[in-house]
PDB file of all heavy atoms in Angstrom:
ATOM      1  N   TYR A   1     -52.299 -75.638 166.926  1.00  0.00           N
ATOM      2  CA  TYR A   1     -50.770 -75.498 166.746  1.00  0.00           C
ATOM      3  C   TYR A   1     -50.172 -74.949 168.050  1.00  0.00           C
ATOM      4  O   TYR A   1     -50.646 -74.038 168.770  1.00  0.00           O
ATOM      5  CB  TYR A   1     -50.461 -74.480 165.673  1.00  0.00           C
ATOM      6  CG  TYR A   1     -50.941 -75.163 164.304  1.00  0.00           C
ATOM      7  CD1 TYR A   1     -52.146 -74.655 163.704  1.00  0.00           C
ATOM      8  CD2 TYR A   1     -50.130 -75.959 163.621  1.00  0.00           C
ATOM      9  CE1 TYR A   1     -52.564 -75.101 162.423  1.00  0.00           C
ATOM     10  CE2 TYR A   1     -50.597 -76.493 162.369  1.00  0.00           C
ATOM     11  CZ  TYR A   1     -51.738 -76.073 161.713  1.00  0.00           C
ATOM     12  OH  TYR A   1     -52.067 -76.581 160.653  1.00  0.00           O
ATOM     13  N   HIS A   2     -48.906 -75.411 168.466  1.00  0.00           N
ATOM     14  CA  HIS A   2     -48.403 -75.237 169.703  1.00  0.00           C
ATOM     15  C   HIS A   2     -48.124 -73.821 170.087  1.00  0.00           C
ATOM     16  O   HIS A   2     -48.171 -73.373 171.224  1.00  0.00           O
ATOM     17  CB  HIS A   2     -47.378 -76.207 170.115  1.00  0.00           C
ATOM     18  CG  HIS A   2     -46.048 -75.930 169.384  1.00  0.00           C
ATOM     19  ND1 HIS A   2     -45.799 -76.220 168.075  1.00  0.00           N
ATOM     20  CD2 HIS A   2     -44.946 -75.136 169.706  1.00  0.00           C
ATOM     21  CE1 HIS A   2     -44.620 -75.915 167.663  1.00  0.00           C
ATOM     22  NE2 HIS A   2     -44.018 -75.186 168.606  1.00  0.00           N
ATOM     23  N   TRP A   3     -47.854 -72.952 169.024  1.00  0.00           N
ATOM     24  CA  TRP A   3     -47.436 -71.698 169.380  1.00  0.00           C
ATOM     25  C   TRP A   3     -48.619 -70.723 169.729  1.00  0.00           C
ATOM     26  O   TRP A   3     -48.510 -69.736 170.244  1.00  0.00           O
ATOM     27  CB  TRP A   3     -46.752 -70.916 168.145  1.00  0.00           C
ATOM     28  CG  TRP A   3     -47.290 -71.126 166.778  1.00  0.00           C
ATOM     29  CD1 TRP A   3     -48.255 -70.302 166.259  1.00  0.00           C
ATOM     30  CD2 TRP A   3     -47.089 -72.171 165.933  1.00  0.00           C
ATOM     31  NE1 TRP A   3     -48.689 -70.741 165.083  1.00  0.00           N
ATOM     32  CE2 TRP A   3     -47.915 -71.840 164.756  1.00  0.00           C
ATOM     33  CE3 TRP A   3     -46.378 -73.298 165.913  1.00  0.00           C
ATOM     34  CZ2 TRP A   3     -47.951 -72.706 163.645  1.00  0.00           C
ATOM     35  CZ3 TRP A   3     -46.478 -74.163 164.848  1.00  0.00           C
ATOM     36  CH2 TRP A   3     -47.171 -73.882 163.649  1.00  0.00           C
ATOM     37  N   TYR A   4     -49.792 -71.230 169.570  1.00  0.00           N
ATOM     38  CA  TYR A   4     -51.025 -70.451 169.919  1.00  0.00           C
ATOM     39  C   TYR A   4     -51.160 -70.299 171.387  1.00  0.00           C
ATOM     40  O   TYR A   4     -52.016 -69.517 171.975  1.00  0.00           O
ATOM     41  CB  TYR A   4     -52.284 -71.097 169.269  1.00  0.00           C
ATOM     42  CG  TYR A   4     -52.369 -71.006 167.844  1.00  0.00           C
ATOM     43  CD1 TYR A   4     -53.161 -71.990 167.090  1.00  0.00           C
ATOM     44  CD2 TYR A   4     -51.817 -70.024 167.148  1.00  0.00           C
ATOM     45  CE1 TYR A   4     -53.295 -71.943 165.640  1.00  0.00           C
ATOM     46  CE2 TYR A   4     -51.845 -69.863 165.733  1.00  0.00           C
ATOM     47  CZ  TYR A   4     -52.591 -70.851 165.080  1.00  0.00           C
ATOM     48  OH  TYR A   4     -52.788 -70.795 163.664  1.00  0.00           O
ATOM     49  N   TYR A   5     -50.587 -71.151 172.239  1.00  0.00           N
ATOM     50  CA  TYR A   5     -50.702 -71.249 173.679  1.00  0.00           C
ATOM     51  C   TYR A   5     -49.745 -70.291 174.426  1.00  0.00           C
ATOM     52  O   TYR A   5     -49.806 -70.436 175.723  1.00  0.00           O
ATOM     53  CB  TYR A   5     -50.515 -72.813 174.170  1.00  0.00           C
ATOM     54  CG  TYR A   5     -51.605 -73.697 173.411  1.00  0.00           C
ATOM     55  CD1 TYR A   5     -51.321 -74.328 172.306  1.00  0.00           C
ATOM     56  CD2 TYR A   5     -52.855 -73.880 173.985  1.00  0.00           C
ATOM     57  CE1 TYR A   5     -52.272 -75.150 171.636  1.00  0.00           C
ATOM     58  CE2 TYR A   5     -53.861 -74.697 173.276  1.00  0.00           C
ATOM     59  CZ  TYR A   5     -53.508 -75.261 172.120  1.00  0.00           C
ATOM     60  OH  TYR A   5     -54.482 -76.079 171.494  1.00  0.00           O
ATOM     61  N   ALA A   6     -49.063 -69.648 173.737  1.00  0.00           N
ATOM     62  CA  ALA A   6     -48.074 -68.675 174.517  1.00  0.00           C
ATOM     63  C   ALA A   6     -48.694 -67.788 175.562  1.00  0.00           C
ATOM     64  O   ALA A   6     -48.035 -67.739 176.670  1.00  0.00           O
ATOM     65  CB  ALA A   6     -47.440 -67.911 173.431  1.00  0.00           C
ATOM     66  N   PRO A   7     -49.857 -67.192 175.306  1.00  0.00           N
ATOM     67  CA  PRO A   7     -50.363 -66.315 176.421  1.00  0.00           C
ATOM     68  C   PRO A   7     -50.756 -67.124 177.653  1.00  0.00           C
ATOM     69  O   PRO A   7     -50.590 -66.643 178.849  1.00  0.00           O
ATOM     70  CB  PRO A   7     -51.652 -65.773 175.818  1.00  0.00           C
ATOM     71  CG  PRO A   7     -51.490 -65.857 174.354  1.00  0.00           C
ATOM     72  CD  PRO A   7     -50.690 -67.014 174.184  1.00  0.00           C
ATOM     73  N   TYR A   8     -51.176 -68.371 177.555  1.00  0.00           N
ATOM     74  CA  TYR A   8     -51.375 -69.154 178.759  1.00  0.00           C
ATOM     75  C   TYR A   8     -50.157 -69.454 179.486  1.00  0.00           C
ATOM     76  O   TYR A   8     -50.103 -69.319 180.761  1.00  0.00           O
ATOM     77  CB  TYR A   8     -52.125 -70.424 178.504  1.00  0.00           C
ATOM     78  CG  TYR A   8     -53.374 -70.329 177.539  1.00  0.00           C
ATOM     79  CD1 TYR A   8     -53.331 -70.603 176.259  1.00  0.00           C
ATOM     80  CD2 TYR A   8     -54.449 -69.845 178.124  1.00  0.00           C
ATOM     81  CE1 TYR A   8     -54.443 -70.400 175.404  1.00  0.00           C
ATOM     82  CE2 TYR A   8     -55.656 -69.695 177.453  1.00  0.00           C
ATOM     83  CZ  TYR A   8     -55.601 -69.954 175.941  1.00  0.00           C
ATOM     84  OH  TYR A   8     -56.778 -69.742 175.161  1.00  0.00           O
ATOM     85  N   PHE A   9     -49.128 -69.740 178.754  1.00  0.00           N
ATOM     86  CA  PHE A   9     -47.910 -70.188 179.501  1.00  0.00           C
ATOM     87  C   PHE A   9     -47.065 -68.863 180.105  1.00  0.00           C
ATOM     88  O   PHE A   9     -46.563 -68.921 181.262  1.00  0.00           O
ATOM     89  CB  PHE A   9     -46.940 -70.832 178.448  1.00  0.00           C
ATOM     90  CG  PHE A   9     -47.191 -72.316 178.328  1.00  0.00           C
ATOM     91  CD1 PHE A   9     -47.670 -72.712 177.085  1.00  0.00           C
ATOM     92  CD2 PHE A   9     -47.137 -73.189 179.410  1.00  0.00           C
ATOM     93  CE1 PHE A   9     -47.988 -74.013 176.853  1.00  0.00           C
ATOM     94  CE2 PHE A   9     -47.649 -74.621 179.113  1.00  0.00           C
ATOM     95  CZ  PHE A   9     -47.893 -74.963 177.876  1.00  0.00           C
ATOM     96  N   ILE A  10     -47.074 -67.821 179.413  1.00  0.00           N
ATOM     97  CA  ILE A  10     -46.545 -66.581 180.088  1.00  0.00           C
ATOM     98  C   ILE A  10     -47.227 -66.137 181.309  1.00  0.00           C
ATOM     99  O   ILE A  10     -46.628 -65.875 182.243  1.00  0.00           O
ATOM    100  CB  ILE A  10     -46.317 -65.478 178.946  1.00  0.00           C
ATOM    101  CG1 ILE A  10     -45.483 -64.356 179.597  1.00  0.00           C
ATOM    102  CG2 ILE A  10     -47.623 -64.936 178.552  1.00  0.00           C
ATOM    103  CD1 ILE A  10     -44.080 -64.675 179.998  1.00  0.00           C
ATOM    104  N   PHE A  11     -48.552 -66.193 181.269  1.00  0.00           N
ATOM    105  CA  PHE A  11     -49.251 -65.676 182.515  1.00  0.00           C
ATOM    106  C   PHE A  11     -49.294 -66.868 183.558  1.00  0.00           C
ATOM    107  O   PHE A  11     -49.323 -66.657 184.663  1.00  0.00           O
ATOM    108  CB  PHE A  11     -50.734 -65.534 182.209  1.00  0.00           C
ATOM    109  CG  PHE A  11     -50.845 -64.192 181.357  1.00  0.00           C
ATOM    110  CD1 PHE A  11     -51.403 -64.164 180.098  1.00  0.00           C
ATOM    111  CD2 PHE A  11     -50.546 -62.988 182.002  1.00  0.00           C
ATOM    112  CE1 PHE A  11     -51.563 -62.985 179.345  1.00  0.00           C
ATOM    113  CE2 PHE A  11     -50.717 -61.732 181.294  1.00  0.00           C
ATOM    114  CZ  PHE A  11     -51.192 -61.715 179.870  1.00  0.00           C
ATOM    115  N   ALA A  12     -48.991 -68.226 183.112  1.00  0.00           N
ATOM    116  CA  ALA A  12     -48.896 -69.318 184.217  1.00  0.00           C
ATOM    117  C   ALA A  12     -47.624 -69.044 184.852  1.00  0.00           C
ATOM    118  O   ALA A  12     -47.527 -69.315 186.030  1.00  0.00           O
ATOM    119  CB  ALA A  12     -48.904 -70.602 183.427  1.00  0.00           C
ATOM    120  N   ILE A  13     -46.622 -68.599 184.320  1.00  0.00           N
ATOM    121  CA  ILE A  13     -45.244 -68.324 184.918  1.00  0.00           C
ATOM    122  C   ILE A  13     -45.331 -67.202 185.801  1.00  0.00           C
ATOM    123  O   ILE A  13     -44.835 -67.106 186.980  1.00  0.00           O
ATOM    124  CB  ILE A  13     -44.156 -68.252 183.957  1.00  0.00           C
ATOM    125  CG1 ILE A  13     -43.956 -69.428 182.990  1.00  0.00           C
ATOM    126  CG2 ILE A  13     -42.793 -67.957 184.664  1.00  0.00           C
ATOM    127  CD1 ILE A  13     -43.700 -70.709 183.829  1.00  0.00           C
ATOM    128  N   VAL A  14     -46.190 -66.137 185.396  1.00  0.00           N
ATOM    129  CA  VAL A  14     -46.457 -64.988 186.281  1.00  0.00           C
ATOM    130  C   VAL A  14     -47.025 -65.402 187.604  1.00  0.00           C
ATOM    131  O   VAL A  14     -46.588 -65.161 188.810  1.00  0.00           O
ATOM    132  CB  VAL A  14     -47.385 -64.039 185.635  1.00  0.00           C
ATOM    133  CG1 VAL A  14     -47.893 -62.973 186.656  1.00  0.00           C
ATOM    134  CG2 VAL A  14     -46.670 -63.380 184.452  1.00  0.00           C
ATOM    135  N   TYR A  15     -48.134 -66.302 187.505  1.00  0.00           N
ATOM    136  CA  TYR A  15     -48.906 -66.744 188.750  1.00  0.00           C
ATOM    137  C   TYR A  15     -48.050 -67.807 189.484  1.00  0.00           C
ATOM    138  O   TYR A  15     -48.238 -67.938 190.790  1.00  0.00           O
ATOM    139  CB  TYR A  15     -50.254 -67.137 188.376  1.00  0.00           C
ATOM    140  CG  TYR A  15     -51.022 -65.802 187.915  1.00  0.00           C
ATOM    141  CD1 TYR A  15     -51.594 -65.994 186.598  1.00  0.00           C
ATOM    142  CD2 TYR A  15     -51.303 -64.775 188.656  1.00  0.00           C
ATOM    143  CE1 TYR A  15     -52.171 -64.775 186.147  1.00  0.00           C
ATOM    144  CE2 TYR A  15     -51.914 -63.729 188.328  1.00  0.00           C
ATOM    145  CZ  TYR A  15     -52.493 -63.861 186.928  1.00  0.00           C
ATOM    146  OH  TYR A  15     -53.136 -62.629 186.546  1.00  0.00           O
ATOM    147  N   CYS A  16     -47.315 -68.468 188.785  1.00  0.00           N
ATOM    148  CA  CYS A  16     -46.350 -69.501 189.410  1.00  0.00           C
ATOM    149  C   CYS A  16     -45.346 -68.843 190.334  1.00  0.00           C
ATOM    150  O   CYS A  16     -45.152 -69.179 191.561  1.00  0.00           O
ATOM    151  CB  CYS A  16     -45.572 -70.358 188.400  1.00  0.00           C
ATOM    152  SG  CYS A  16     -44.339 -71.359 189.107  1.00  0.00           S
ATOM    153  N   THR A  17     -44.792 -67.703 189.716  1.00  0.00           N
ATOM    154  CA  THR A  17     -43.867 -66.889 190.560  1.00  0.00           C
ATOM    155  C   THR A  17     -44.639 -66.234 191.788  1.00  0.00           C
ATOM    156  O   THR A  17     -44.128 -66.238 192.856  1.00  0.00           O
ATOM    157  CB  THR A  17     -43.375 -65.809 189.750  1.00  0.00           C
ATOM    158  OG1 THR A  17     -42.711 -66.370 188.471  1.00  0.00           O
ATOM    159  CG2 THR A  17     -42.208 -65.029 190.573  1.00  0.00           C
ATOM    160  N   GLN A  18     -45.834 -65.821 191.581  1.00  0.00           N
ATOM    161  CA  GLN A  18     -46.628 -65.256 192.688  1.00  0.00           C
ATOM    162  C   GLN A  18     -46.896 -66.313 193.782  1.00  0.00           C
ATOM    163  O   GLN A  18     -46.920 -65.969 194.992  1.00  0.00           O
ATOM    164  CB  GLN A  18     -48.015 -64.628 192.135  1.00  0.00           C
ATOM    165  CG  GLN A  18     -47.868 -63.421 191.209  1.00  0.00           C
ATOM    166  CD  GLN A  18     -47.536 -62.224 191.978  1.00  0.00           C
ATOM    167  OE1 GLN A  18     -47.247 -62.210 193.069  1.00  0.00           O
ATOM    168  NE2 GLN A  18     -47.747 -61.046 191.129  1.00  0.00           N
ATOM    169  N   GLY A  19     -47.171 -67.577 193.198  1.00  0.00           N
ATOM    170  CA  GLY A  19     -47.240 -68.611 194.172  1.00  0.00           C
ATOM    171  C   GLY A  19     -46.088 -68.814 195.110  1.00  0.00           C
ATOM    172  O   GLY A  19     -46.180 -69.147 196.242  1.00  0.00           O
ATOM    173  N   ILE A  20     -44.988 -68.888 194.327  1.00  0.00           N
ATOM    174  CA  ILE A  20     -43.700 -68.966 195.142  1.00  0.00           C
ATOM    175  C   ILE A  20     -43.623 -67.848 196.171  1.00  0.00           C
ATOM    176  O   ILE A  20     -43.178 -68.140 197.374  1.00  0.00           O
ATOM    177  CB  ILE A  20     -42.452 -69.084 194.306  1.00  0.00           C
ATOM    178  CG1 ILE A  20     -42.576 -70.376 193.336  1.00  0.00           C
ATOM    179  CG2 ILE A  20     -41.198 -69.076 194.971  1.00  0.00           C
ATOM    180  CD1 ILE A  20     -41.522 -70.465 192.258  1.00  0.00           C
ATOM    181  N   LEU A  21     -43.850 -66.671 195.786  1.00  0.00           N
ATOM    182  CA  LEU A  21     -43.744 -65.580 196.718  1.00  0.00           C
ATOM    183  C   LEU A  21     -44.654 -65.691 197.810  1.00  0.00           C
ATOM    184  O   LEU A  21     -44.423 -65.190 198.922  1.00  0.00           O
ATOM    185  CB  LEU A  21     -43.861 -64.287 195.880  1.00  0.00           C
ATOM    186  CG  LEU A  21     -42.833 -63.949 194.871  1.00  0.00           C
ATOM    187  CD1 LEU A  21     -43.102 -62.714 194.155  1.00  0.00           C
ATOM    188  CD2 LEU A  21     -41.459 -63.870 195.575  1.00  0.00           C
ATOM    189  N   LEU A  22     -45.954 -66.252 197.587  1.00  0.00           N
ATOM    190  CA  LEU A  22     -46.880 -66.438 198.590  1.00  0.00           C
ATOM    191  C   LEU A  22     -46.349 -67.337 199.642  1.00  0.00           C
ATOM    192  O   LEU A  22     -46.518 -67.171 200.903  1.00  0.00           O
ATOM    193  CB  LEU A  22     -48.243 -66.957 197.998  1.00  0.00           C
ATOM    194  CG  LEU A  22     -49.308 -67.302 198.966  1.00  0.00           C
ATOM    195  CD1 LEU A  22     -49.842 -66.118 199.747  1.00  0.00           C
ATOM    196  CD2 LEU A  22     -50.390 -68.047 198.239  1.00  0.00           C
ATOM    197  N   ILE A  23     -45.782 -68.477 199.100  1.00  0.00           N
ATOM    198  CA  ILE A  23     -45.276 -69.430 200.130  1.00  0.00           C
ATOM    199  C   ILE A  23     -44.145 -68.764 201.001  1.00  0.00           C
ATOM    200  O   ILE A  23     -44.100 -69.031 202.224  1.00  0.00           O
ATOM    201  CB  ILE A  23     -44.640 -70.692 199.374  1.00  0.00           C
ATOM    202  CG1 ILE A  23     -45.874 -71.388 198.768  1.00  0.00           C
ATOM    203  CG2 ILE A  23     -43.671 -71.497 200.196  1.00  0.00           C
ATOM    204  CD1 ILE A  23     -45.340 -72.590 197.818  1.00  0.00           C
ATOM    205  N   ALA A  24     -43.190 -67.941 200.288  1.00  0.00           N
ATOM    206  CA  ALA A  24     -42.256 -67.295 201.106  1.00  0.00           C
ATOM    207  C   ALA A  24     -42.731 -66.333 202.183  1.00  0.00           C
ATOM    208  O   ALA A  24     -42.393 -66.283 203.274  1.00  0.00           O
ATOM    209  CB  ALA A  24     -41.397 -66.430 200.028  1.00  0.00           C
ATOM    210  N   ASP A  25     -43.899 -65.705 201.816  1.00  0.00           N
ATOM    211  CA  ASP A  25     -44.559 -64.808 202.688  1.00  0.00           C
ATOM    212  C   ASP A  25     -45.158 -65.485 204.012  1.00  0.00           C
ATOM    213  O   ASP A  25     -45.044 -65.141 205.095  1.00  0.00           O
ATOM    214  CB  ASP A  25     -45.549 -63.922 202.092  1.00  0.00           C
ATOM    215  CG  ASP A  25     -45.066 -62.964 201.167  1.00  0.00           C
ATOM    216  OD1 ASP A  25     -43.936 -62.631 201.183  1.00  0.00           O
ATOM    217  OD2 ASP A  25     -45.876 -62.593 200.134  1.00  0.00           O
ATOM    218  N   ILE A  26     -45.781 -66.603 203.623  1.00  0.00           N
ATOM    219  CA  ILE A  26     -46.480 -67.473 204.674  1.00  0.00           C
ATOM    220  C   ILE A  26     -45.434 -68.016 205.606  1.00  0.00           C
ATOM    221  O   ILE A  26     -45.579 -67.959 206.728  1.00  0.00           O
ATOM    222  CB  ILE A  26     -47.217 -68.700 204.089  1.00  0.00           C
ATOM    223  CG1 ILE A  26     -48.510 -67.970 203.271  1.00  0.00           C
ATOM    224  CG2 ILE A  26     -47.777 -69.669 205.099  1.00  0.00           C
ATOM    225  CD1 ILE A  26     -49.296 -68.956 202.474  1.00  0.00           C
TER     226      ILE A  26
END
């Protein structure tokens, strides 16, 4: 059921944002 995957998606956005900030730093 699709609502079971919420933890993966919320943490994915956390690390996606970290990835964008990493690019900005580099």
